[in-house]
Amino acid sequence: MKKLIFGAFTTILSTALLFGCGTPNDEQEPDPTEEPSEQHEDQNQ
């Protein structure tokens, strides 16, 4: 029983480590067709 718990715990930690150290896909370059928000603020004033 202890081996099963230890194995499951090791698997969960290993998986979390792999996903936690991966490169995020959120840091993509902005779409060149979109205007930056600073330009919108300048135009509204």
PDB file of N, CA and C in Angstrom:
ATOM      1  N   MET A   1       0.830  -1.192   0.000  1.00  0.00           N
ATOM      2  CA  MET A   1       0.000   0.000   0.000  1.00  0.00           C
ATOM      3  C   MET A   1       0.876   1.256   0.000  1.00  0.00           C
ATOM      4  N   LYS A   2       1.950   1.242   0.756  1.00  0.00           N
ATOM      5  CA  LYS A   2       2.840   2.400   0.804  1.00  0.00           C
ATOM      6  C   LYS A   2       3.504   2.638  -0.551  1.00  0.00           C
ATOM      7  N   LYS A   3       3.822   1.548  -1.252  1.00  0.00           N
ATOM      8  CA  LYS A   3       4.439   1.686  -2.567  1.00  0.00           C
ATOM      9  C   LYS A   3       3.471   2.333  -3.554  1.00  0.00           C
ATOM     10  N   LEU A   4       2.199   1.998  -3.469  1.00  0.00           N
ATOM     11  CA  LEU A   4       1.196   2.578  -4.346  1.00  0.00           C
ATOM     12  C   LEU A   4       1.044   4.073  -4.082  1.00  0.00           C
ATOM     13  N   ILE A   5       0.980   4.454  -2.828  1.00  0.00           N
ATOM     14  CA  ILE A   5       0.858   5.867  -2.473  1.00  0.00           C
ATOM     15  C   ILE A   5       2.109   6.623  -2.903  1.00  0.00           C
ATOM     16  N   PHE A   6       3.275   6.062  -2.653  1.00  0.00           N
ATOM     17  CA  PHE A   6       4.528   6.698  -3.034  1.00  0.00           C
ATOM     18  C   PHE A   6       4.628   6.847  -4.556  1.00  0.00           C
ATOM     19  N   GLY A   7       4.207   5.842  -5.291  1.00  0.00           N
ATOM     20  CA  GLY A   7       4.233   5.896  -6.750  1.00  0.00           C
ATOM     21  C   GLY A   7       3.289   6.949  -7.293  1.00  0.00           C
ATOM     22  N   ALA A   8       2.089   7.020  -6.734  1.00  0.00           N
ATOM     23  CA  ALA A   8       1.121   8.020  -7.181  1.00  0.00           C
ATOM     24  C   ALA A   8       1.621   9.424  -6.856  1.00  0.00           C
ATOM     25  N   PHE A   9       2.179   9.606  -5.675  1.00  0.00           N
ATOM     26  CA  PHE A   9       2.713  10.895  -5.262  1.00  0.00           C
ATOM     27  C   PHE A   9       3.857  11.328  -6.181  1.00  0.00           C
ATOM     28  N   THR A  10       4.733  10.398  -6.509  1.00  0.00           N
ATOM     29  CA  THR A  10       5.866  10.695  -7.397  1.00  0.00           C
ATOM     30  C   THR A  10       5.378  11.063  -8.795  1.00  0.00           C
ATOM     31  N   THR A  11       4.378  10.361  -9.282  1.00  0.00           N
ATOM     32  CA  THR A  11       3.821  10.655 -10.606  1.00  0.00           C
ATOM     33  C   THR A  11       3.192  12.040 -10.649  1.00  0.00           C
ATOM     34  N   ILE A  12       2.451  12.373  -9.621  1.00  0.00           N
ATOM     35  CA  ILE A  12       1.798  13.686  -9.573  1.00  0.00           C
ATOM     36  C   ILE A  12       2.839  14.799  -9.516  1.00  0.00           C
ATOM     37  N   LEU A  13       3.850  14.644  -8.681  1.00  0.00           N
ATOM     38  CA  LEU A  13       4.887  15.673  -8.574  1.00  0.00           C
ATOM     39  C   LEU A  13       5.684  15.807  -9.864  1.00  0.00           C
ATOM     40  N   SER A  14       5.978  14.701 -10.513  1.00  0.00           N
ATOM     41  CA  SER A  14       6.726  14.754 -11.769  1.00  0.00           C
ATOM     42  C   SER A  14       5.921  15.457 -12.859  1.00  0.00           C
ATOM     43  N   THR A  15       4.646  15.163 -12.932  1.00  0.00           N
ATOM     44  CA  THR A  15       3.785  15.802 -13.919  1.00  0.00           C
ATOM     45  C   THR A  15       3.666  17.294 -13.652  1.00  0.00           C
ATOM     46  N   ALA A  16       3.506  17.662 -12.392  1.00  0.00           N
ATOM     47  CA  ALA A  16       3.414  19.083 -12.033  1.00  0.00           C
ATOM     48  C   ALA A  16       4.712  19.808 -12.375  1.00  0.00           C
ATOM     49  N   LEU A  17       5.832  19.157 -12.179  1.00  0.00           N
ATOM     50  CA  LEU A  17       7.119  19.764 -12.491  1.00  0.00           C
ATOM     51  C   LEU A  17       7.258  20.003 -13.992  1.00  0.00           C
ATOM     52  N   LEU A  18       6.837  19.048 -14.794  1.00  0.00           N
ATOM     53  CA  LEU A  18       6.927  19.191 -16.242  1.00  0.00           C
ATOM     54  C   LEU A  18       6.032  20.317 -16.757  1.00  0.00           C
ATOM     55  N   PHE A  19       4.810  20.397 -16.242  1.00  0.00           N
ATOM     56  CA  PHE A  19       3.897  21.447 -16.696  1.00  0.00           C
ATOM     57  C   PHE A  19       4.284  22.802 -16.119  1.00  0.00           C
ATOM     58  N   GLY A  20       4.827  22.833 -14.936  1.00  0.00           N
ATOM     59  CA  GLY A  20       5.206  24.092 -14.307  1.00  0.00           C
ATOM     60  C   GLY A  20       6.422  24.725 -14.936  1.00  0.00           C
ATOM     61  N   CYS A  21       7.315  23.939 -15.474  1.00  0.00           N
ATOM     62  CA  CYS A  21       8.547  24.476 -16.060  1.00  0.00           C
ATOM     63  C   CYS A  21       8.444  24.661 -17.567  1.00  0.00           C
ATOM     64  N   GLY A  22       7.312  24.371 -18.142  1.00  0.00           N
ATOM     65  CA  GLY A  22       7.140  24.532 -19.578  1.00  0.00           C
ATOM     66  C   GLY A  22       7.039  25.996 -19.962  1.00  0.00           C
ATOM     67  N   THR A  23       7.267  26.299 -21.224  1.00  0.00           N
ATOM     68  CA  THR A  23       7.147  27.676 -21.679  1.00  0.00           C
ATOM     69  C   THR A  23       5.685  27.995 -21.931  1.00  0.00           C
ATOM     70  N   PRO A  24       5.213  29.109 -21.411  1.00  0.00           N
ATOM     71  CA  PRO A  24       3.801  29.455 -21.604  1.00  0.00           C
ATOM     72  C   PRO A  24       3.546  29.934 -23.025  1.00  0.00           C
ATOM     73  N   ASN A  25       2.372  29.629 -23.536  1.00  0.00           N
ATOM     74  CA  ASN A  25       1.987  30.058 -24.880  1.00  0.00           C
ATOM     75  C   ASN A  25       1.384  31.448 -24.863  1.00  0.00           C
ATOM     76  N   ASP A  26       1.174  32.027 -23.673  1.00  0.00           N
ATOM     77  CA  ASP A  26       0.550  33.341 -23.566  1.00  0.00           C
ATOM     78  C   ASP A  26       1.485  34.463 -24.006  1.00  0.00           C
ATOM     79  N   GLU A  27       2.773  34.229 -24.022  1.00  0.00           N
ATOM     80  CA  GLU A  27       3.728  35.279 -24.338  1.00  0.00           C
ATOM     81  C   GLU A  27       4.037  35.331 -25.833  1.00  0.00           C
ATOM     82  N   GLN A  28       3.009  35.366 -26.632  1.00  0.00           N
ATOM     83  CA  GLN A  28       3.186  35.472 -28.065  1.00  0.00           C
ATOM     84  C   GLN A  28       3.270  36.942 -28.439  1.00  0.00           C
ATOM     85  N   GLU A  29       3.855  37.223 -29.602  1.00  0.00           N
ATOM     86  CA  GLU A  29       3.946  38.596 -30.059  1.00  0.00           C
ATOM     87  C   GLU A  29       2.542  39.128 -30.338  1.00  0.00           C
ATOM     88  N   PRO A  30       2.320  40.402 -30.049  1.00  0.00           N
ATOM     89  CA  PRO A  30       0.975  40.953 -30.292  1.00  0.00           C
ATOM     90  C   PRO A  30       0.641  40.994 -31.773  1.00  0.00           C
ATOM     91  N   ASP A  31      -0.636  40.955 -32.050  1.00  0.00           N
ATOM     92  CA  ASP A  31      -1.122  40.992 -33.425  1.00  0.00           C
ATOM     93  C   ASP A  31      -0.828  42.365 -34.025  1.00  0.00           C
ATOM     94  N   PRO A  32      -0.115  42.439 -35.145  1.00  0.00           N
ATOM     95  CA  PRO A  32       0.248  43.751 -35.703  1.00  0.00           C
ATOM     96  C   PRO A  32      -0.951  44.558 -36.196  1.00  0.00           C
ATOM     97  N   THR A  33      -2.106  43.921 -36.380  1.00  0.00           N
ATOM     98  CA  THR A  33      -3.282  44.663 -36.837  1.00  0.00           C
ATOM     99  C   THR A  33      -3.958  45.399 -35.688  1.00  0.00           C
ATOM    100  N   GLU A  34      -3.663  45.003 -34.446  1.00  0.00           N
ATOM    101  CA  GLU A  34      -4.255  45.674 -33.298  1.00  0.00           C
ATOM    102  C   GLU A  34      -3.401  46.865 -32.903  1.00  0.00           C
ATOM    103  N   GLU A  35      -4.073  47.961 -32.522  1.00  0.00           N
ATOM    104  CA  GLU A  35      -3.350  49.137 -32.069  1.00  0.00           C
ATOM    105  C   GLU A  35      -3.072  48.996 -30.572  1.00  0.00           C
ATOM    106  N   PRO A  36      -1.934  49.469 -30.119  1.00  0.00           N
ATOM    107  CA  PRO A  36      -1.665  49.428 -28.675  1.00  0.00           C
ATOM    108  C   PRO A  36      -2.671  50.278 -27.911  1.00  0.00           C
ATOM    109  N   SER A  37      -2.899  49.930 -26.661  1.00  0.00           N
ATOM    110  CA  SER A  37      -3.899  50.631 -25.863  1.00  0.00           C
ATOM    111  C   SER A  37      -3.495  52.071 -25.580  1.00  0.00           C
ATOM    112  N   GLU A  38      -2.192  52.383 -25.585  1.00  0.00           N
ATOM    113  CA  GLU A  38      -1.757  53.750 -25.322  1.00  0.00           C
ATOM    114  C   GLU A  38      -2.264  54.697 -26.413  1.00  0.00           C
ATOM    115  N   GLN A  39      -2.313  54.242 -27.645  1.00  0.00           N
ATOM    116  CA  GLN A  39      -2.783  55.093 -28.728  1.00  0.00           C
ATOM    117  C   GLN A  39      -4.274  55.360 -28.565  1.00  0.00           C
ATOM    118  N   HIS A  40      -5.035  54.389 -28.063  1.00  0.00           N
ATOM    119  CA  HIS A  40      -6.459  54.592 -27.833  1.00  0.00           C
ATOM    120  C   HIS A  40      -6.668  55.651 -26.772  1.00  0.00           C
ATOM    121  N   GLU A  41      -5.847  55.654 -25.725  1.00  0.00           N
ATOM    122  CA  GLU A  41      -5.983  56.629 -24.651  1.00  0.00           C
ATOM    123  C   GLU A  41      -5.680  58.030 -25.160  1.00  0.00           C
ATOM    124  N   ASP A  42      -4.653  58.187 -26.009  1.00  0.00           N
ATOM    125  CA  ASP A  42      -4.283  59.488 -26.542  1.00  0.00           C
ATOM    126  C   ASP A  42      -5.388  60.043 -27.451  1.00  0.00           C
ATOM    127  N   GLN A  43      -6.035  59.211 -28.190  1.00  0.00           N
ATOM    128  CA  GLN A  43      -7.067  59.652 -29.122  1.00  0.00           C
ATOM    129  C   GLN A  43      -8.334  60.070 -28.380  1.00  0.00           C
ATOM    130  N   ASN A  44      -8.598  59.451 -27.224  1.00  0.00           N
ATOM    131  CA  ASN A  44      -9.815  59.745 -26.475  1.00  0.00           C
ATOM    132  C   ASN A  44      -9.708  61.055 -25.711  1.00  0.00           C
ATOM    133  N   GLN A  45      -8.557  61.602 -25.503  1.00  0.00           N
ATOM    134  CA  GLN A  45      -8.402  62.821 -24.700  1.00  0.00           C
ATOM    135  C   GLN A  45      -8.545  64.055 -25.505  1.00  0.00           C
TER     136      GLN A  45
END
